[in-house]
Amino acid sequence: MDGTHIRAHQHSSGAASKTDEAISKSVGGNSSKIHMIVDACGNPYEFLITDGTTHDVKVAPELLDKVSLKTTKYVSADKGYDSDHLREVITKQSAKAVIPKKRNTKANNDHMDWYIYKIRHLVENAFARLKHFRGIATRYDKLKRHYENTVALACAYIWLKL
């Protein structure tokens, strides 16, 4: 599980509309964020699109609710997902959270399975494959639902290569 920032093109972030756009202003400009879960082979499994200023931990429980973790043994994420509440959500669904603690916490990382954590590169590789598509690397769609459809189409294309 991870998230990546996507810069929005100037034409996609024009005048505000009543429908959801999931574009926000940040220091780097207008941006959106794709939050994604991949399977054990690194293929996209589920994703959500939010504005660029939304923190990963806020979206993670909603993303995990979309996925059945009955057959999942581990949920691996980076330090951005370090939250006791998120660990409880994952444990309630009978999976083990492989999330390292942040540096500024008193607890150490003795609970970590570093071998499983090293496999987290699969989600980074999935984002790299998604960003090969020009319409995803730079967001040209104004509305959130149009951009979601573009990302879903790219995910389906990645699955077709299997």
N, C-alpha and C. Protein backbone atom coordinates (compact mmCIF):
# COMPACT_ATOMS: atom_id res chain seq x y z
N MET A 1 0.86 -1.16 0.00
CA MET A 1 0.00 0.00 0.00
C MET A 1 0.90 1.22 0.00
N ASP A 2 0.58 2.18 -0.88
CA ASP A 2 1.37 3.40 -0.95
C ASP A 2 0.58 4.45 -1.72
N GLY A 3 1.14 5.63 -1.80
CA GLY A 3 0.53 6.72 -2.54
C GLY A 3 1.57 7.49 -3.32
N THR A 4 1.15 8.13 -4.40
CA THR A 4 2.06 8.94 -5.20
C THR A 4 1.37 10.22 -5.63
N HIS A 5 2.16 11.28 -5.74
CA HIS A 5 1.62 12.57 -6.17
C HIS A 5 1.64 12.65 -7.69
N ILE A 6 0.60 13.28 -8.23
CA ILE A 6 0.48 13.50 -9.66
C ILE A 6 0.26 14.98 -9.88
N ARG A 7 1.09 15.60 -10.70
CA ARG A 7 0.91 17.01 -11.02
C ARG A 7 -0.25 17.16 -11.99
N ALA A 8 -1.07 18.16 -11.75
CA ALA A 8 -2.21 18.44 -12.62
C ALA A 8 -1.80 19.49 -13.64
N HIS A 9 -2.13 19.24 -14.89
CA HIS A 9 -1.83 20.19 -15.96
C HIS A 9 -2.66 21.45 -15.76
N GLN A 10 -2.17 22.57 -16.25
CA GLN A 10 -2.87 23.84 -16.03
C GLN A 10 -4.27 23.85 -16.63
N HIS A 11 -4.50 23.09 -17.69
CA HIS A 11 -5.82 23.06 -18.31
C HIS A 11 -6.82 22.21 -17.52
N SER A 12 -6.31 21.33 -16.67
CA SER A 12 -7.22 20.50 -15.88
C SER A 12 -7.64 21.18 -14.59
N SER A 13 -6.96 22.23 -14.23
CA SER A 13 -7.25 22.87 -12.94
C SER A 13 -7.72 24.30 -13.13
N GLY A 14 -8.67 24.48 -14.01
CA GLY A 14 -9.20 25.81 -14.28
C GLY A 14 -10.22 26.23 -13.24
N ALA A 15 -11.28 26.86 -13.70
CA ALA A 15 -12.32 27.36 -12.80
C ALA A 15 -12.97 26.22 -12.03
N ALA A 16 -13.33 26.50 -10.80
CA ALA A 16 -13.93 25.48 -9.94
C ALA A 16 -15.31 25.10 -10.46
N SER A 17 -15.66 23.84 -10.25
CA SER A 17 -16.98 23.36 -10.65
C SER A 17 -17.65 22.71 -9.44
N LYS A 18 -18.90 22.34 -9.59
CA LYS A 18 -19.65 21.75 -8.48
C LYS A 18 -19.31 20.28 -8.27
N THR A 19 -18.78 19.62 -9.28
CA THR A 19 -18.45 18.20 -9.15
C THR A 19 -17.05 18.04 -8.55
N ASP A 20 -16.80 16.85 -8.00
CA ASP A 20 -15.54 16.57 -7.32
C ASP A 20 -14.39 16.51 -8.32
N GLU A 21 -13.32 17.24 -8.03
CA GLU A 21 -12.16 17.28 -8.91
C GLU A 21 -10.95 16.58 -8.32
N ALA A 22 -10.82 16.54 -7.01
CA ALA A 22 -9.68 15.93 -6.31
C ALA A 22 -8.36 16.57 -6.75
N ILE A 23 -8.37 17.88 -6.87
CA ILE A 23 -7.16 18.65 -7.18
C ILE A 23 -7.00 19.69 -6.08
N SER A 24 -5.79 19.81 -5.55
CA SER A 24 -5.56 20.82 -4.52
C SER A 24 -4.26 21.56 -4.82
N LYS A 25 -4.15 22.72 -4.24
CA LYS A 25 -2.94 23.52 -4.40
C LYS A 25 -1.96 23.15 -3.29
N SER A 26 -0.73 22.94 -3.68
CA SER A 26 0.33 22.68 -2.71
C SER A 26 1.55 23.49 -3.11
N VAL A 27 2.64 23.30 -2.42
CA VAL A 27 3.86 24.05 -2.72
C VAL A 27 4.34 23.76 -4.14
N GLY A 28 4.19 22.53 -4.59
CA GLY A 28 4.64 22.14 -5.92
C GLY A 28 3.66 22.47 -7.03
N GLY A 29 2.53 23.08 -6.70
CA GLY A 29 1.52 23.40 -7.70
C GLY A 29 0.27 22.57 -7.48
N ASN A 30 -0.60 22.57 -8.46
CA ASN A 30 -1.83 21.79 -8.38
C ASN A 30 -1.50 20.31 -8.51
N SER A 31 -2.07 19.51 -7.61
CA SER A 31 -1.74 18.09 -7.64
C SER A 31 -2.88 17.23 -7.12
N SER A 32 -2.80 15.96 -7.46
CA SER A 32 -3.69 14.92 -6.96
C SER A 32 -2.82 13.81 -6.40
N LYS A 33 -3.46 12.85 -5.77
CA LYS A 33 -2.71 11.74 -5.20
C LYS A 33 -3.44 10.44 -5.51
N ILE A 34 -2.68 9.44 -5.95
CA ILE A 34 -3.22 8.10 -6.17
C ILE A 34 -2.75 7.23 -5.01
N HIS A 35 -3.69 6.62 -4.30
CA HIS A 35 -3.39 5.66 -3.23
C HIS A 35 -3.72 4.29 -3.79
N MET A 36 -2.80 3.34 -3.66
CA MET A 36 -3.02 2.05 -4.32
C MET A 36 -2.56 0.89 -3.46
N ILE A 37 -3.28 -0.22 -3.62
CA ILE A 37 -2.90 -1.51 -3.05
C ILE A 37 -2.58 -2.43 -4.22
N VAL A 38 -1.48 -3.17 -4.10
CA VAL A 38 -1.12 -4.13 -5.14
C VAL A 38 -1.16 -5.54 -4.56
N ASP A 39 -1.23 -6.53 -5.45
CA ASP A 39 -1.23 -7.92 -4.99
C ASP A 39 0.21 -8.38 -4.78
N ALA A 40 0.40 -9.65 -4.50
CA ALA A 40 1.73 -10.19 -4.20
C ALA A 40 2.66 -10.16 -5.40
N CYS A 41 2.10 -10.03 -6.59
CA CYS A 41 2.92 -9.96 -7.81
C CYS A 41 3.19 -8.53 -8.26
N GLY A 42 2.65 -7.56 -7.56
CA GLY A 42 2.87 -6.16 -7.90
C GLY A 42 1.88 -5.59 -8.89
N ASN A 43 0.78 -6.29 -9.11
CA ASN A 43 -0.24 -5.79 -10.03
C ASN A 43 -1.26 -4.94 -9.27
N PRO A 44 -1.72 -3.85 -9.85
CA PRO A 44 -2.69 -2.99 -9.16
C PRO A 44 -3.94 -3.77 -8.79
N TYR A 45 -4.38 -3.60 -7.54
CA TYR A 45 -5.54 -4.33 -7.05
C TYR A 45 -6.70 -3.39 -6.75
N GLU A 46 -6.41 -2.28 -6.10
CA GLU A 46 -7.45 -1.29 -5.75
C GLU A 46 -6.77 0.06 -5.61
N PHE A 47 -7.48 1.13 -5.96
CA PHE A 47 -6.90 2.46 -5.83
C PHE A 47 -7.97 3.48 -5.47
N LEU A 48 -7.53 4.60 -4.93
CA LEU A 48 -8.37 5.75 -4.64
C LEU A 48 -7.64 7.00 -5.10
N ILE A 49 -8.40 8.01 -5.50
CA ILE A 49 -7.81 9.28 -5.91
C ILE A 49 -8.29 10.36 -4.96
N THR A 50 -7.35 11.12 -4.41
CA THR A 50 -7.68 12.22 -3.51
C THR A 50 -6.92 13.46 -3.96
N ASP A 51 -7.22 14.58 -3.31
CA ASP A 51 -6.45 15.77 -3.62
C ASP A 51 -5.03 15.62 -3.06
N GLY A 52 -4.11 16.42 -3.53
CA GLY A 52 -2.70 16.25 -3.21
C GLY A 52 -2.32 16.51 -1.78
N THR A 53 -3.19 17.14 -0.99
CA THR A 53 -2.84 17.46 0.39
C THR A 53 -3.36 16.45 1.39
N THR A 54 -4.06 15.43 0.95
CA THR A 54 -4.60 14.40 1.85
C THR A 54 -3.49 13.46 2.30
N HIS A 55 -3.39 13.24 3.61
CA HIS A 55 -2.36 12.36 4.15
C HIS A 55 -2.73 10.90 3.92
N ASP A 56 -1.72 10.06 3.76
CA ASP A 56 -1.92 8.64 3.46
C ASP A 56 -2.72 7.92 4.53
N VAL A 57 -2.48 8.22 5.80
CA VAL A 57 -3.13 7.50 6.89
C VAL A 57 -4.63 7.75 6.89
N LYS A 58 -5.07 8.91 6.46
CA LYS A 58 -6.51 9.21 6.44
C LYS A 58 -7.25 8.36 5.42
N VAL A 59 -6.59 7.99 4.34
CA VAL A 59 -7.24 7.26 3.26
C VAL A 59 -7.09 5.75 3.42
N ALA A 60 -6.09 5.31 4.14
CA ALA A 60 -5.77 3.88 4.25
C ALA A 60 -6.94 3.02 4.74
N PRO A 61 -7.67 3.40 5.81
CA PRO A 61 -8.79 2.54 6.23
C PRO A 61 -9.87 2.40 5.16
N GLU A 62 -10.15 3.48 4.46
CA GLU A 62 -11.15 3.42 3.38
C GLU A 62 -10.67 2.52 2.25
N LEU A 63 -9.39 2.58 1.94
CA LEU A 63 -8.83 1.73 0.89
C LEU A 63 -8.84 0.26 1.31
N LEU A 64 -8.54 0.00 2.57
CA LEU A 64 -8.55 -1.38 3.06
C LEU A 64 -9.96 -1.95 3.15
N ASP A 65 -10.97 -1.09 3.35
CA ASP A 65 -12.35 -1.57 3.39
C ASP A 65 -12.81 -2.07 2.03
N LYS A 66 -12.20 -1.59 0.97
CA LYS A 66 -12.57 -2.02 -0.38
C LYS A 66 -11.99 -3.38 -0.73
N VAL A 67 -11.05 -3.87 0.09
CA VAL A 67 -10.33 -5.10 -0.20
C VAL A 67 -10.61 -6.12 0.89
N SER A 68 -10.81 -7.37 0.50
CA SER A 68 -10.97 -8.45 1.47
C SER A 68 -9.59 -8.97 1.86
N LEU A 69 -9.27 -8.90 3.13
CA LEU A 69 -7.96 -9.35 3.61
C LEU A 69 -8.01 -10.75 4.22
N LYS A 70 -9.03 -11.53 3.89
CA LYS A 70 -9.17 -12.87 4.47
C LYS A 70 -8.02 -13.79 4.06
N THR A 71 -7.55 -13.67 2.83
CA THR A 71 -6.46 -14.53 2.36
C THR A 71 -5.11 -13.83 2.42
N THR A 72 -5.09 -12.59 2.91
CA THR A 72 -3.85 -11.82 2.98
C THR A 72 -3.16 -12.05 4.32
N LYS A 73 -1.87 -12.32 4.27
CA LYS A 73 -1.11 -12.52 5.50
C LYS A 73 -0.48 -11.23 5.99
N TYR A 74 0.03 -10.41 5.06
CA TYR A 74 0.76 -9.20 5.42
C TYR A 74 0.25 -8.01 4.63
N VAL A 75 0.24 -6.85 5.29
CA VAL A 75 0.00 -5.57 4.63
C VAL A 75 1.23 -4.73 4.90
N SER A 76 1.97 -4.43 3.83
CA SER A 76 3.22 -3.70 3.96
C SER A 76 3.02 -2.26 3.50
N ALA A 77 3.55 -1.33 4.28
CA ALA A 77 3.45 0.09 3.94
C ALA A 77 4.66 0.81 4.51
N ASP A 78 4.90 2.04 4.04
CA ASP A 78 6.06 2.79 4.51
C ASP A 78 5.74 3.57 5.78
N LYS A 79 6.69 4.38 6.24
CA LYS A 79 6.55 5.09 7.51
C LYS A 79 5.43 6.12 7.49
N GLY A 80 4.99 6.53 6.32
CA GLY A 80 3.88 7.47 6.23
C GLY A 80 2.58 6.89 6.76
N TYR A 81 2.50 5.57 6.86
CA TYR A 81 1.30 4.89 7.35
C TYR A 81 1.44 4.47 8.81
N ASP A 82 2.42 5.00 9.52
CA ASP A 82 2.65 4.64 10.92
C ASP A 82 1.53 5.21 11.79
N SER A 83 0.60 4.34 12.17
CA SER A 83 -0.53 4.74 13.00
C SER A 83 -1.04 3.52 13.76
N ASP A 84 -1.27 3.68 15.05
CA ASP A 84 -1.81 2.57 15.84
C ASP A 84 -3.21 2.20 15.38
N HIS A 85 -4.00 3.20 15.00
CA HIS A 85 -5.36 2.93 14.52
C HIS A 85 -5.32 2.08 13.25
N LEU A 86 -4.42 2.39 12.32
CA LEU A 86 -4.31 1.62 11.09
C LEU A 86 -3.85 0.20 11.38
N ARG A 87 -2.93 0.04 12.31
CA ARG A 87 -2.49 -1.31 12.68
C ARG A 87 -3.64 -2.12 13.25
N GLU A 88 -4.51 -1.48 14.04
CA GLU A 88 -5.69 -2.17 14.58
C GLU A 88 -6.64 -2.58 13.48
N VAL A 89 -6.86 -1.71 12.50
CA VAL A 89 -7.75 -2.03 11.38
C VAL A 89 -7.23 -3.24 10.62
N ILE A 90 -5.93 -3.28 10.39
CA ILE A 90 -5.33 -4.41 9.66
C ILE A 90 -5.41 -5.69 10.49
N THR A 91 -5.14 -5.60 11.78
CA THR A 91 -5.18 -6.78 12.65
C THR A 91 -6.60 -7.33 12.77
N LYS A 92 -7.60 -6.46 12.81
CA LYS A 92 -9.00 -6.91 12.88
C LYS A 92 -9.39 -7.71 11.66
N GLN A 93 -8.74 -7.46 10.53
CA GLN A 93 -9.04 -8.20 9.31
C GLN A 93 -8.12 -9.40 9.14
N SER A 94 -7.52 -9.85 10.23
CA SER A 94 -6.68 -11.06 10.33
C SER A 94 -5.45 -11.02 9.42
N ALA A 95 -4.84 -9.86 9.30
CA ALA A 95 -3.57 -9.73 8.59
C ALA A 95 -2.56 -9.09 9.54
N LYS A 96 -1.29 -9.17 9.18
CA LYS A 96 -0.24 -8.58 10.00
C LYS A 96 0.27 -7.31 9.33
N ALA A 97 0.35 -6.23 10.09
CA ALA A 97 0.83 -4.96 9.56
C ALA A 97 2.36 -4.94 9.60
N VAL A 98 2.97 -4.72 8.45
CA VAL A 98 4.42 -4.59 8.35
C VAL A 98 4.70 -3.13 8.01
N ILE A 99 4.63 -2.30 9.05
CA ILE A 99 4.80 -0.86 8.90
C ILE A 99 5.84 -0.41 9.92
N PRO A 100 6.96 0.16 9.47
CA PRO A 100 7.97 0.60 10.44
C PRO A 100 7.51 1.84 11.21
N LYS A 101 8.02 1.97 12.40
CA LYS A 101 7.72 3.14 13.22
C LYS A 101 8.53 4.33 12.72
N LYS A 102 7.98 5.52 12.91
CA LYS A 102 8.72 6.73 12.54
C LYS A 102 9.88 6.94 13.50
N ARG A 103 10.81 7.76 13.10
CA ARG A 103 11.99 8.02 13.89
C ARG A 103 11.68 8.72 15.21
N ASN A 104 10.64 9.55 15.20
CA ASN A 104 10.35 10.36 16.38
C ASN A 104 9.48 9.65 17.42
N THR A 105 9.27 8.35 17.29
CA THR A 105 8.49 7.61 18.28
C THR A 105 9.42 6.92 19.27
N LYS A 106 8.89 6.63 20.44
CA LYS A 106 9.69 5.97 21.47
C LYS A 106 9.86 4.48 21.18
N ALA A 107 8.88 3.89 20.52
CA ALA A 107 8.94 2.45 20.24
C ALA A 107 9.99 2.17 19.17
N ASN A 108 10.54 0.98 19.22
CA ASN A 108 11.54 0.60 18.23
C ASN A 108 10.90 -0.30 17.17
N ASN A 109 11.69 -0.75 16.23
CA ASN A 109 11.19 -1.57 15.13
C ASN A 109 11.52 -3.05 15.31
N ASP A 110 11.49 -3.53 16.54
CA ASP A 110 11.77 -4.94 16.78
C ASP A 110 10.66 -5.85 16.22
N HIS A 111 9.48 -5.30 16.05
CA HIS A 111 8.35 -6.08 15.54
C HIS A 111 8.41 -6.29 14.03
N MET A 112 9.31 -5.62 13.36
CA MET A 112 9.33 -5.60 11.90
C MET A 112 9.87 -6.90 11.31
N ASP A 113 9.24 -7.33 10.23
CA ASP A 113 9.75 -8.41 9.41
C ASP A 113 10.37 -7.74 8.18
N TRP A 114 11.67 -7.50 8.23
CA TRP A 114 12.33 -6.71 7.19
C TRP A 114 12.34 -7.42 5.85
N TYR A 115 12.27 -8.74 5.83
CA TYR A 115 12.22 -9.46 4.56
C TYR A 115 10.92 -9.12 3.82
N ILE A 116 9.81 -9.14 4.53
CA ILE A 116 8.52 -8.78 3.92
C ILE A 116 8.52 -7.31 3.51
N TYR A 117 9.12 -6.47 4.33
CA TYR A 117 9.14 -5.04 4.02
C TYR A 117 9.92 -4.74 2.75
N LYS A 118 10.96 -5.52 2.47
CA LYS A 118 11.74 -5.30 1.25
C LYS A 118 10.92 -5.55 -0.01
N ILE A 119 9.88 -6.35 0.11
CA ILE A 119 9.04 -6.64 -1.05
C ILE A 119 8.12 -5.47 -1.38
N ARG A 120 8.13 -4.44 -0.53
CA ARG A 120 7.29 -3.26 -0.75
C ARG A 120 7.65 -2.53 -2.04
N HIS A 121 8.79 -2.84 -2.61
CA HIS A 121 9.16 -2.19 -3.86
C HIS A 121 8.18 -2.52 -4.99
N LEU A 122 7.39 -3.57 -4.81
CA LEU A 122 6.42 -3.93 -5.84
C LEU A 122 5.39 -2.83 -6.07
N VAL A 123 4.96 -2.16 -5.01
CA VAL A 123 4.00 -1.08 -5.18
C VAL A 123 4.66 0.12 -5.85
N GLU A 124 5.93 0.36 -5.55
CA GLU A 124 6.66 1.45 -6.23
C GLU A 124 6.81 1.14 -7.71
N ASN A 125 7.07 -0.12 -8.04
CA ASN A 125 7.17 -0.52 -9.44
C ASN A 125 5.84 -0.38 -10.16
N ALA A 126 4.74 -0.65 -9.45
CA ALA A 126 3.41 -0.50 -10.06
C ALA A 126 3.15 0.96 -10.40
N PHE A 127 3.54 1.87 -9.51
CA PHE A 127 3.39 3.30 -9.82
C PHE A 127 4.26 3.69 -11.00
N ALA A 128 5.46 3.13 -11.09
CA ALA A 128 6.34 3.43 -12.22
C ALA A 128 5.71 2.97 -13.53
N ARG A 129 5.08 1.78 -13.51
CA ARG A 129 4.41 1.30 -14.72
C ARG A 129 3.20 2.15 -15.07
N LEU A 130 2.47 2.61 -14.05
CA LEU A 130 1.32 3.48 -14.31
C LEU A 130 1.76 4.81 -14.92
N LYS A 131 2.88 5.33 -14.45
CA LYS A 131 3.33 6.63 -14.93
C LYS A 131 3.95 6.57 -16.32
N HIS A 132 4.04 5.37 -16.91
CA HIS A 132 4.44 5.28 -18.31
C HIS A 132 3.35 5.86 -19.21
N PHE A 133 2.13 5.88 -18.70
CA PHE A 133 1.01 6.44 -19.45
C PHE A 133 0.99 7.95 -19.23
N ARG A 134 1.05 8.70 -20.31
CA ARG A 134 1.18 10.15 -20.25
C ARG A 134 0.01 10.81 -19.53
N GLY A 135 -1.18 10.29 -19.75
CA GLY A 135 -2.37 10.86 -19.14
C GLY A 135 -2.44 10.65 -17.64
N ILE A 136 -1.63 9.76 -17.12
CA ILE A 136 -1.60 9.52 -15.68
C ILE A 136 -0.43 10.27 -15.04
N ALA A 137 0.71 10.28 -15.72
CA ALA A 137 1.88 10.97 -15.18
C ALA A 137 1.61 12.46 -15.00
N THR A 138 0.91 13.06 -15.94
CA THR A 138 0.44 14.44 -15.83
C THR A 138 -1.06 14.41 -15.98
N ARG A 139 -1.75 14.84 -14.99
CA ARG A 139 -3.21 14.75 -15.01
C ARG A 139 -3.79 15.81 -15.94
N TYR A 140 -4.47 15.36 -16.99
CA TYR A 140 -5.11 16.26 -17.94
C TYR A 140 -6.62 16.34 -17.72
N ASP A 141 -7.18 15.40 -16.97
CA ASP A 141 -8.63 15.36 -16.74
C ASP A 141 -9.00 16.28 -15.60
N LYS A 142 -10.04 17.07 -15.80
CA LYS A 142 -10.47 18.01 -14.76
C LYS A 142 -11.25 17.30 -13.66
N LEU A 143 -12.17 16.42 -14.04
CA LEU A 143 -13.04 15.78 -13.06
C LEU A 143 -12.41 14.50 -12.51
N LYS A 144 -12.68 14.25 -11.25
CA LYS A 144 -12.14 13.08 -10.56
C LYS A 144 -12.61 11.79 -11.23
N ARG A 145 -13.87 11.72 -11.59
CA ARG A 145 -14.40 10.47 -12.17
C ARG A 145 -13.74 10.15 -13.51
N HIS A 146 -13.38 11.17 -14.29
CA HIS A 146 -12.71 10.93 -15.56
C HIS A 146 -11.29 10.42 -15.33
N TYR A 147 -10.61 11.01 -14.35
CA TYR A 147 -9.25 10.58 -14.04
C TYR A 147 -9.25 9.17 -13.44
N GLU A 148 -10.25 8.85 -12.63
CA GLU A 148 -10.37 7.49 -12.09
C GLU A 148 -10.53 6.48 -13.21
N ASN A 149 -11.32 6.82 -14.22
CA ASN A 149 -11.51 5.91 -15.35
C ASN A 149 -10.21 5.74 -16.14
N THR A 150 -9.43 6.80 -16.27
CA THR A 150 -8.15 6.70 -16.96
C THR A 150 -7.19 5.78 -16.20
N VAL A 151 -7.14 5.93 -14.89
CA VAL A 151 -6.27 5.08 -14.07
C VAL A 151 -6.75 3.63 -14.12
N ALA A 152 -8.06 3.42 -14.07
CA ALA A 152 -8.61 2.06 -14.13
C ALA A 152 -8.28 1.40 -15.47
N LEU A 153 -8.34 2.17 -16.54
CA LEU A 153 -8.01 1.63 -17.86
C LEU A 153 -6.53 1.25 -17.94
N ALA A 154 -5.67 2.08 -17.37
CA ALA A 154 -4.23 1.76 -17.36
C ALA A 154 -3.96 0.53 -16.50
N CYS A 155 -4.66 0.40 -15.37
CA CYS A 155 -4.49 -0.79 -14.52
C CYS A 155 -4.94 -2.05 -15.27
N ALA A 156 -6.03 -1.94 -16.00
CA ALA A 156 -6.50 -3.09 -16.79
C ALA A 156 -5.49 -3.45 -17.87
N TYR A 157 -4.87 -2.45 -18.46
CA TYR A 157 -3.85 -2.70 -19.48
C TYR A 157 -2.65 -3.42 -18.87
N ILE A 158 -2.27 -3.04 -17.67
CA ILE A 158 -1.16 -3.71 -16.99
C ILE A 158 -1.52 -5.17 -16.72
N TRP A 159 -2.76 -5.42 -16.31
CA TRP A 159 -3.21 -6.80 -16.06
C TRP A 159 -3.26 -7.61 -17.35
N LEU A 160 -3.54 -6.97 -18.49
CA LEU A 160 -3.61 -7.69 -19.76
C LEU A 160 -2.26 -8.28 -20.17
N LYS A 161 -1.18 -7.66 -19.75
CA LYS A 161 0.15 -8.14 -20.12
C LYS A 161 0.48 -9.47 -19.46
N LEU A 162 -0.33 -9.88 -18.49
CA LEU A 162 -0.08 -11.16 -17.84
C LEU A 162 -0.41 -12.26 -18.80
